[in-house]
Amino acid sequence: MSGNGNKPKHGYVARVRDNTRRYIEELLQENVRLRGVIDTVGREQQVLRRQLDDLRIDLDRREQQHARLLALLGAAESAARGFEDRFAEVEQQNANLARLYAASYQLHATMHRSEVLQAIQEIVINLIGSEELAILAGGPTLTPLASMGVDEERLGALDTSAGALGRSLATRAPVLCDQDVAGIKASIPLVVGDRTLAVILIFGLLPQKPALDAFDRELLDLVATHAATALYCAELHEGKC
């Protein structure tokens, strides 16, 4: 009886052992499969890393190219602005030369004193940009010869020894300033030899012209020379010298 009673026990153990062996074999096979998957994933990760590195290198190269293109574009824009500024400067110089020629021609186009004085006023109005001016005869009293936009009482109260007027008479050269105590922005004596024929006084500028610049200085120097000569020749022509 005992022998027959042991058979089922041994059969159960054998089944458990077989099942355990099969389970272990399946686990080992699954482990091998998973190792293969892991190896495959690892290889794919390496490929992806290389691709990512390549993409990063390509991105860096593209960023460098973009930076170079931006630098080239900036240089081209700067050069274009330089050419534009130079072109504008050349145009301004040509305009200035035309203005200087017109001023010189205008002064010497007549032999009449009144017309010379009118030409001087037109130069100051149109080329300097002022409608507040006066032309005074040289001498101790500085008698008004012509004026625009300035009260004659104001002219009679001028001090010939102070401010821009005094400095210009003393140096016998044009004096420009923002505005002196008498409200004068420029004083231009017209000198021939040792004689001061007249003096041009500019009191105010047009609204669109905030101040006198370097070209105005050149133009006023021209006026000081040519206007004095033109006025002197006109006086000779009219027998007033």
Protein backbone atom coordinates (compact mmCIF):
# COMPACT_ATOMS: atom_id res chain seq x y z
CA MET A 1 0.00 0.00 0.00
CA SER A 2 2.83 2.36 0.87
CA GLY A 3 4.45 1.81 -2.49
CA ASN A 4 1.29 2.70 -4.30
CA GLY A 5 0.82 5.75 -2.09
CA ASN A 6 4.22 7.24 -3.09
CA LYS A 7 3.65 7.25 -6.85
CA PRO A 8 1.32 10.20 -6.96
CA LYS A 9 3.70 12.22 -4.81
CA HIS A 10 6.65 11.47 -7.04
CA GLY A 11 4.56 12.30 -10.12
CA TYR A 12 3.57 15.66 -8.68
CA VAL A 13 7.15 16.52 -7.85
CA ALA A 14 8.26 15.49 -11.32
CA ARG A 15 5.61 17.70 -12.88
CA VAL A 16 6.62 20.62 -10.70
CA ARG A 17 10.26 20.02 -11.59
CA ASP A 18 9.46 19.80 -15.27
CA ASN A 19 7.31 22.91 -15.13
CA THR A 20 10.03 24.72 -13.21
CA ARG A 21 12.63 23.62 -15.75
CA ARG A 22 10.46 24.76 -18.65
CA TYR A 23 9.77 28.06 -16.87
CA ILE A 24 13.49 28.56 -16.29
CA GLU A 25 14.20 27.70 -19.93
CA GLU A 26 11.51 30.16 -21.03
CA LEU A 27 13.01 32.77 -18.73
CA LEU A 28 16.44 32.10 -20.15
CA GLN A 29 15.09 32.34 -23.69
CA GLU A 30 13.22 35.52 -22.83
CA ASN A 31 16.38 36.84 -21.22
CA VAL A 32 18.32 36.08 -24.41
CA ARG A 33 15.57 37.73 -26.43
CA LEU A 34 15.60 40.75 -24.16
CA ARG A 35 19.39 40.93 -24.38
CA GLY A 36 19.02 40.97 -28.15
CA VAL A 37 16.44 43.70 -27.88
CA ILE A 38 18.74 45.63 -25.53
CA ASP A 39 21.63 45.20 -27.95
CA THR A 40 19.42 46.36 -30.82
CA VAL A 41 18.20 49.36 -28.82
CA GLY A 42 21.78 50.14 -27.83
CA ARG A 43 22.90 50.06 -31.45
CA GLU A 44 19.94 52.22 -32.44
CA GLN A 45 20.83 54.64 -29.63
CA GLN A 46 24.38 54.83 -30.92
CA VAL A 47 23.07 55.51 -34.42
CA LEU A 48 20.71 58.16 -33.06
CA ARG A 49 23.54 59.72 -31.03
CA ARG A 50 25.72 59.88 -34.14
CA GLN A 51 22.84 61.36 -36.10
CA LEU A 52 22.23 63.88 -33.28
CA ASP A 53 25.93 64.77 -33.25
CA ASP A 54 25.83 65.21 -37.03
CA LEU A 55 22.75 67.39 -36.70
CA ARG A 56 24.44 69.48 -34.03
CA ILE A 57 27.54 69.89 -36.19
CA ASP A 58 25.35 70.81 -39.17
CA LEU A 59 23.40 73.27 -36.99
CA ASP A 60 26.63 74.86 -35.76
CA ARG A 61 27.87 75.12 -39.34
CA ARG A 62 24.60 76.69 -40.44
CA GLU A 63 24.67 79.12 -37.51
CA GLN A 64 28.22 80.11 -38.44
CA GLN A 65 27.16 80.57 -42.06
CA HIS A 66 24.19 82.62 -40.89
CA ALA A 67 26.47 84.78 -38.74
CA ARG A 68 28.87 85.29 -41.69
CA LEU A 69 25.95 86.21 -43.95
CA LEU A 70 24.67 88.68 -41.36
CA ALA A 71 28.16 90.18 -41.10
CA LEU A 72 28.39 90.45 -44.89
CA LEU A 73 24.93 92.00 -45.03
CA GLY A 74 25.88 94.51 -42.32
CA ALA A 75 29.07 95.40 -44.19
CA ALA A 76 27.12 95.80 -47.45
CA GLU A 77 24.53 98.01 -45.75
CA SER A 78 27.28 100.07 -44.13
CA ALA A 79 29.04 100.47 -47.47
CA ALA A 80 25.74 101.45 -49.12
CA ARG A 81 25.13 104.07 -46.42
CA GLY A 82 28.67 105.31 -46.94
CA PHE A 83 28.08 105.68 -50.68
CA GLU A 84 24.78 107.43 -50.01
CA ASP A 85 26.42 109.83 -47.57
CA ARG A 86 29.27 110.46 -49.99
CA PHE A 87 26.83 111.04 -52.84
CA ALA A 88 24.83 113.46 -50.69
CA GLU A 89 28.06 115.21 -49.71
CA VAL A 90 29.12 115.55 -53.36
CA GLU A 91 25.67 116.87 -54.26
CA GLN A 92 25.89 119.38 -51.41
CA GLN A 93 29.36 120.46 -52.53
CA ASN A 94 28.10 120.94 -56.08
CA ALA A 95 25.16 122.95 -54.79
CA ASN A 96 27.51 125.02 -52.65
CA LEU A 97 29.77 125.71 -55.62
CA ALA A 98 26.76 126.77 -57.66
CA ARG A 99 25.66 129.06 -54.83
CA LEU A 100 29.14 130.58 -54.53
CA TYR A 101 29.32 131.16 -58.27
CA ALA A 102 25.85 132.71 -58.32
CA ALA A 103 26.72 134.99 -55.41
CA SER A 104 29.96 136.14 -57.05
CA TYR A 105 28.28 136.72 -60.41
CA GLN A 106 25.39 138.57 -58.81
CA LEU A 107 27.71 141.00 -57.04
CA HIS A 108 29.69 141.88 -60.15
CA ALA A 109 26.78 141.96 -62.60
CA THR A 110 26.09 145.66 -62.02
CA MET A 111 27.98 148.92 -61.61
CA HIS A 112 25.21 150.72 -59.73
CA ARG A 113 25.61 151.13 -55.99
CA SER A 114 21.92 150.59 -55.23
CA GLU A 115 21.89 147.39 -57.24
CA VAL A 116 25.02 146.14 -55.49
CA LEU A 117 23.32 146.78 -52.14
CA GLN A 118 20.23 144.97 -53.40
CA ALA A 119 22.37 142.05 -54.56
CA ILE A 120 24.02 141.85 -51.14
CA GLN A 121 20.61 141.74 -49.48
CA GLU A 122 19.42 139.00 -51.84
CA ILE A 123 22.53 136.93 -51.10
CA VAL A 124 21.93 137.23 -47.36
CA ILE A 125 18.23 136.44 -47.76
CA ASN A 126 18.48 133.57 -50.23
CA LEU A 127 21.87 132.01 -49.52
CA ILE A 128 22.47 132.77 -45.85
CA GLY A 129 18.82 132.52 -44.84
CA SER A 130 17.98 135.75 -43.05
CA GLU A 131 15.31 138.39 -43.39
CA GLU A 132 16.61 140.51 -40.50
CA LEU A 133 19.65 142.36 -41.80
CA ALA A 134 21.18 145.74 -42.35
CA ILE A 135 23.98 147.27 -44.42
CA LEU A 136 25.63 150.23 -42.76
CA ALA A 137 28.09 152.66 -44.36
CA GLY A 138 31.55 152.57 -42.85
CA GLY A 139 32.67 155.39 -40.59
CA PRO A 140 32.14 156.53 -37.03
CA THR A 141 28.34 156.81 -37.34
CA LEU A 142 27.64 153.68 -39.45
CA THR A 143 24.86 155.27 -41.47
CA PRO A 144 22.21 152.75 -42.66
CA LEU A 145 22.37 152.11 -46.41
CA ALA A 146 19.77 149.35 -46.58
CA SER A 147 17.90 147.17 -44.12
CA MET A 148 15.17 144.56 -43.83
CA GLY A 149 13.20 143.49 -40.77
CA VAL A 150 15.24 145.75 -38.43
CA ASP A 151 14.08 148.96 -36.76
CA GLU A 152 16.34 151.94 -37.60
CA GLU A 153 16.26 153.02 -33.94
CA ARG A 154 17.85 149.69 -33.10
CA LEU A 155 20.57 150.37 -35.65
CA GLY A 156 21.19 153.84 -34.24
CA ALA A 157 21.75 152.40 -30.77
CA LEU A 158 24.49 149.98 -31.84
CA ASP A 159 27.80 150.17 -30.01
CA THR A 160 30.66 150.04 -32.51
CA SER A 161 33.16 149.04 -29.82
CA ALA A 162 31.38 146.00 -28.36
CA GLY A 163 30.00 142.62 -29.36
CA ALA A 164 30.26 141.05 -32.79
CA LEU A 165 30.13 144.46 -34.47
CA GLY A 166 33.02 145.82 -32.43
CA ARG A 167 35.15 142.70 -32.97
CA SER A 168 34.55 142.65 -36.71
CA LEU A 169 35.42 146.33 -37.09
CA ALA A 170 38.54 145.87 -34.98
CA THR A 171 39.74 142.75 -36.81
CA ARG A 172 38.30 143.81 -40.19
CA ALA A 173 37.05 140.24 -40.63
CA PRO A 174 33.63 138.56 -40.42
CA VAL A 175 32.53 137.57 -36.92
CA LEU A 176 29.85 134.91 -36.39
CA CYS A 177 28.22 134.17 -33.06
CA ASP A 178 25.07 132.55 -31.70
CA GLN A 179 23.79 135.97 -30.68
CA ASP A 180 25.50 138.87 -28.90
CA VAL A 181 23.96 141.42 -26.54
CA ALA A 182 22.75 143.51 -29.50
CA GLY A 183 21.09 140.47 -31.08
CA ILE A 184 23.66 140.25 -33.88
CA LYS A 185 24.42 136.78 -35.26
CA ALA A 186 27.01 137.91 -37.82
CA SER A 187 28.93 141.08 -38.60
CA ILE A 188 30.72 141.28 -41.95
CA PRO A 189 32.86 144.35 -42.70
CA LEU A 190 33.38 145.21 -46.37
CA VAL A 191 37.00 146.33 -46.57
CA VAL A 192 39.02 147.63 -49.51
CA GLY A 193 42.61 148.45 -48.70
CA ASP A 194 42.62 150.42 -45.44
CA ARG A 195 39.05 151.56 -45.82
CA THR A 196 35.91 149.91 -44.38
CA LEU A 197 33.27 150.78 -46.96
CA ALA A 198 30.36 149.21 -45.10
CA VAL A 199 29.37 146.47 -42.68
CA ILE A 200 26.66 143.83 -43.09
CA LEU A 201 24.79 142.88 -39.91
CA ILE A 202 22.66 139.75 -39.66
CA PHE A 203 20.24 139.76 -36.72
CA GLY A 204 17.98 136.77 -37.26
CA LEU A 205 17.76 133.57 -39.31
CA LEU A 206 14.83 131.92 -41.01
CA PRO A 207 12.93 129.31 -38.90
CA GLN A 208 14.28 126.40 -40.97
CA LYS A 209 17.88 127.51 -40.34
CA PRO A 210 18.80 127.07 -36.67
CA ALA A 211 22.37 128.42 -36.91
CA LEU A 212 25.14 129.50 -39.25
CA ASP A 213 27.45 126.68 -40.33
CA ALA A 214 30.91 126.29 -41.89
CA PHE A 215 29.62 126.88 -45.41
CA ASP A 216 27.92 130.09 -44.28
CA ARG A 217 31.31 131.20 -43.00
CA GLU A 218 32.86 130.53 -46.41
CA LEU A 219 30.03 132.33 -48.14
CA LEU A 220 30.30 135.33 -45.83
CA ASP A 221 34.05 135.47 -46.43
CA LEU A 222 33.27 135.52 -50.17
CA VAL A 223 30.69 138.24 -49.65
CA ALA A 224 33.16 140.25 -47.57
CA THR A 225 35.67 140.18 -50.43
CA HIS A 226 33.48 140.43 -53.53
CA ALA A 227 30.84 142.73 -52.09
CA ALA A 228 33.50 145.18 -50.96
CA THR A 229 35.07 145.16 -54.44
CA ALA A 230 31.70 145.46 -56.17
CA LEU A 231 30.63 148.30 -53.89
CA TYR A 232 33.94 150.12 -54.39
CA CYS A 233 33.71 149.77 -58.20
CA ALA A 234 30.12 151.01 -58.14
CA GLU A 235 31.16 154.08 -56.13
CA LEU A 236 33.97 154.75 -58.56
CA HIS A 237 31.60 154.33 -61.47
CA GLU A 238 29.13 156.77 -59.93
CA GLY A 239 31.90 159.19 -58.94
CA LYS A 240 31.24 158.89 -55.23
CA CYS A 241 34.76 158.10 -54.12
